[in-house]
Amino acid sequence: MGFFAFVRNFVHFSDPRHYRIFDKKLETITGKKNVMGVKETLLEEGRTEGVQIGRKEEKKELNYLFVKNLLTQTTFSVAMIASLCNVSEAFVRKIKKELNK
């Protein structure tokens, strides 16, 4: 698919009709209409990566808040909190240190 997008966006046909012919052949080969070009593909990949990064950041923030709440509202050990939150003990100790400032 990448090859077709490359050809479609970077090779210039002298006759404009060849673009339509190429697009029709591409539709036949791929079974898709309006196949994304390189720019659209890169933008879509960027969006997907951005969503994944956002989810990781959100999970990190939720873990932080959960650990913070357990540290302030329970007498659980660092090991117990790390186990409950599925984070490292170092992560829990770091938050504990921040809270003690």
C-alpha atoms as a PDB file:
ATOM      1  CA  MET A   1       0.000   0.000   0.000  1.00  0.00           C
ATOM      2  CA  GLY A   2       2.862   2.389   0.815  1.00  0.00           C
ATOM      3  CA  PHE A   3       4.291   1.970  -2.653  1.00  0.00           C
ATOM      4  CA  PHE A   4       1.003   2.937  -4.291  1.00  0.00           C
ATOM      5  CA  ALA A   5       0.718   6.000  -2.068  1.00  0.00           C
ATOM      6  CA  PHE A   6       4.259   6.973  -2.988  1.00  0.00           C
ATOM      7  CA  VAL A   7       3.590   6.652  -6.699  1.00  0.00           C
ATOM      8  CA  ARG A   8       0.266   8.439  -6.388  1.00  0.00           C
ATOM      9  CA  ASN A   9       1.738  11.434  -4.550  1.00  0.00           C
ATOM     10  CA  PHE A  10       5.251  11.781  -5.888  1.00  0.00           C
ATOM     11  CA  VAL A  11       5.280  10.582  -9.487  1.00  0.00           C
ATOM     12  CA  HIS A  12       3.822  13.062 -11.911  1.00  0.00           C
ATOM     13  CA  PHE A  13       2.105  11.826 -15.027  1.00  0.00           C
ATOM     14  CA  SER A  14       2.307  14.018 -18.097  1.00  0.00           C
ATOM     15  CA  ASP A  15      -1.284  13.230 -19.003  1.00  0.00           C
ATOM     16  CA  PRO A  16      -3.849  13.998 -16.230  1.00  0.00           C
ATOM     17  CA  ARG A  17      -5.977  11.068 -17.413  1.00  0.00           C
ATOM     18  CA  HIS A  18      -3.287   8.711 -16.135  1.00  0.00           C
ATOM     19  CA  TYR A  19      -4.066   9.802 -12.557  1.00  0.00           C
ATOM     20  CA  ARG A  20      -7.649   8.633 -12.948  1.00  0.00           C
ATOM     21  CA  ILE A  21      -6.538   5.389 -14.564  1.00  0.00           C
ATOM     22  CA  PHE A  22      -4.015   4.839 -11.771  1.00  0.00           C
ATOM     23  CA  ASP A  23      -6.649   5.515  -9.095  1.00  0.00           C
ATOM     24  CA  LYS A  24      -9.080   3.065 -10.733  1.00  0.00           C
ATOM     25  CA  LYS A  25      -6.392   0.377 -10.937  1.00  0.00           C
ATOM     26  CA  LEU A  26      -5.461   1.064  -7.316  1.00  0.00           C
ATOM     27  CA  GLU A  27      -9.107   0.673  -6.284  1.00  0.00           C
ATOM     28  CA  THR A  28      -9.255  -2.631  -8.167  1.00  0.00           C
ATOM     29  CA  ILE A  29      -6.045  -3.945  -6.578  1.00  0.00           C
ATOM     30  CA  THR A  30      -6.757  -2.828  -3.015  1.00  0.00           C
ATOM     31  CA  GLY A  31     -10.535  -3.093  -3.025  1.00  0.00           C
ATOM     32  CA  LYS A  32     -10.720   0.369  -1.485  1.00  0.00           C
ATOM     33  CA  LYS A  33     -11.868   3.705  -2.802  1.00  0.00           C
ATOM     34  CA  ASN A  34     -10.012   6.899  -2.016  1.00  0.00           C
ATOM     35  CA  VAL A  35      -6.931   5.184  -0.635  1.00  0.00           C
ATOM     36  CA  MET A  36      -5.121   7.560   1.710  1.00  0.00           C
ATOM     37  CA  GLY A  37      -2.103   9.329   0.371  1.00  0.00           C
ATOM     38  CA  VAL A  38       1.201   9.610   2.164  1.00  0.00           C
ATOM     39  CA  LYS A  39       0.181  12.808   3.944  1.00  0.00           C
ATOM     40  CA  GLU A  40      -3.091  11.362   5.172  1.00  0.00           C
ATOM     41  CA  THR A  41      -1.394   8.117   6.207  1.00  0.00           C
ATOM     42  CA  LEU A  42       1.233   9.971   8.232  1.00  0.00           C
ATOM     43  CA  LEU A  43      -1.408  12.156   9.867  1.00  0.00           C
ATOM     44  CA  GLU A  44      -3.463   9.100  10.802  1.00  0.00           C
ATOM     45  CA  GLU A  45      -0.401   7.358  12.240  1.00  0.00           C
ATOM     46  CA  GLY A  46       0.389  10.537  14.191  1.00  0.00           C
ATOM     47  CA  ARG A  47      -3.132  10.650  15.591  1.00  0.00           C
ATOM     48  CA  THR A  48      -2.941   7.002  16.600  1.00  0.00           C
ATOM     49  CA  GLU A  49       0.407   7.548  18.291  1.00  0.00           C
ATOM     50  CA  GLY A  50      -0.958  10.642  20.017  1.00  0.00           C
ATOM     51  CA  VAL A  51      -3.919   8.687  21.369  1.00  0.00           C
ATOM     52  CA  GLN A  52      -1.606   5.968  22.661  1.00  0.00           C
ATOM     53  CA  ILE A  53       0.620   8.534  24.365  1.00  0.00           C
ATOM     54  CA  GLY A  54      -2.446  10.199  25.850  1.00  0.00           C
ATOM     55  CA  ARG A  55      -3.667   6.892  27.230  1.00  0.00           C
ATOM     56  CA  LYS A  56      -0.276   6.176  28.793  1.00  0.00           C
ATOM     57  CA  GLU A  57      -0.223   9.625  30.389  1.00  0.00           C
ATOM     58  CA  GLU A  58      -3.774   9.160  31.655  1.00  0.00           C
ATOM     59  CA  LYS A  59      -2.877   5.782  33.155  1.00  0.00           C
ATOM     60  CA  LYS A  60       0.205   7.286  34.787  1.00  0.00           C
ATOM     61  CA  GLU A  61      -1.901  10.092  36.284  1.00  0.00           C
ATOM     62  CA  LEU A  62      -4.511   7.638  37.566  1.00  0.00           C
ATOM     63  CA  ASN A  63      -1.783   5.469  39.093  1.00  0.00           C
ATOM     64  CA  TYR A  64      -0.314   8.556  40.742  1.00  0.00           C
ATOM     65  CA  LEU A  65      -3.669   9.551  42.242  1.00  0.00           C
ATOM     66  CA  PHE A  66      -4.463   6.017  43.396  1.00  0.00           C
ATOM     67  CA  VAL A  67      -1.046   5.633  45.055  1.00  0.00           C
ATOM     68  CA  LYS A  68      -1.373   9.075  46.636  1.00  0.00           C
ATOM     69  CA  ASN A  69      -4.802   8.217  48.052  1.00  0.00           C
ATOM     70  CA  LEU A  70      -3.592   4.906  49.454  1.00  0.00           C
ATOM     71  CA  LEU A  71      -0.568   6.579  51.036  1.00  0.00           C
ATOM     72  CA  THR A  72      -2.653   9.279  52.677  1.00  0.00           C
ATOM     73  CA  GLN A  73      -5.723   7.269  53.629  1.00  0.00           C
ATOM     74  CA  THR A  74      -4.352   3.879  54.661  1.00  0.00           C
ATOM     75  CA  THR A  75      -1.497   2.373  56.616  1.00  0.00           C
ATOM     76  CA  PHE A  76      -0.590  -0.027  53.815  1.00  0.00           C
ATOM     77  CA  SER A  77       3.100  -0.678  53.244  1.00  0.00           C
ATOM     78  CA  VAL A  78       4.920   0.558  50.165  1.00  0.00           C
ATOM     79  CA  ALA A  79       5.085  -3.032  48.914  1.00  0.00           C
ATOM     80  CA  MET A  80       1.340  -3.557  49.398  1.00  0.00           C
ATOM     81  CA  ILE A  81       0.453  -0.305  47.580  1.00  0.00           C
ATOM     82  CA  ALA A  82       2.805  -1.144  44.715  1.00  0.00           C
ATOM     83  CA  SER A  83       1.182  -4.545  44.419  1.00  0.00           C
ATOM     84  CA  LEU A  84      -2.365  -3.172  44.538  1.00  0.00           C
ATOM     85  CA  CYS A  85      -1.619  -0.488  41.943  1.00  0.00           C
ATOM     86  CA  ASN A  86       0.575  -2.677  39.750  1.00  0.00           C
ATOM     87  CA  VAL A  87       3.425  -0.154  39.922  1.00  0.00           C
ATOM     88  CA  SER A  88       6.989  -0.349  41.182  1.00  0.00           C
ATOM     89  CA  GLU A  89       7.897   0.227  44.793  1.00  0.00           C
ATOM     90  CA  ALA A  90      10.228   2.980  43.560  1.00  0.00           C
ATOM     91  CA  PHE A  91       7.209   4.770  42.073  1.00  0.00           C
ATOM     92  CA  VAL A  92       5.366   4.548  45.409  1.00  0.00           C
ATOM     93  CA  ARG A  93       8.425   5.750  47.362  1.00  0.00           C
ATOM     94  CA  LYS A  94       8.814   8.702  44.985  1.00  0.00           C
ATOM     95  CA  ILE A  95       5.203   9.802  45.611  1.00  0.00           C
ATOM     96  CA  LYS A  96       5.600   9.206  49.335  1.00  0.00           C
ATOM     97  CA  LYS A  97       8.681  11.439  49.321  1.00  0.00           C
ATOM     98  CA  GLU A  98       6.768  14.179  47.468  1.00  0.00           C
ATOM     99  CA  LEU A  99       3.978  14.014  50.039  1.00  0.00           C
ATOM    100  CA  ASN A 100       6.408  14.351  52.930  1.00  0.00           C
ATOM    101  CA  LYS A 101       7.839  17.633  51.643  1.00  0.00           C
END
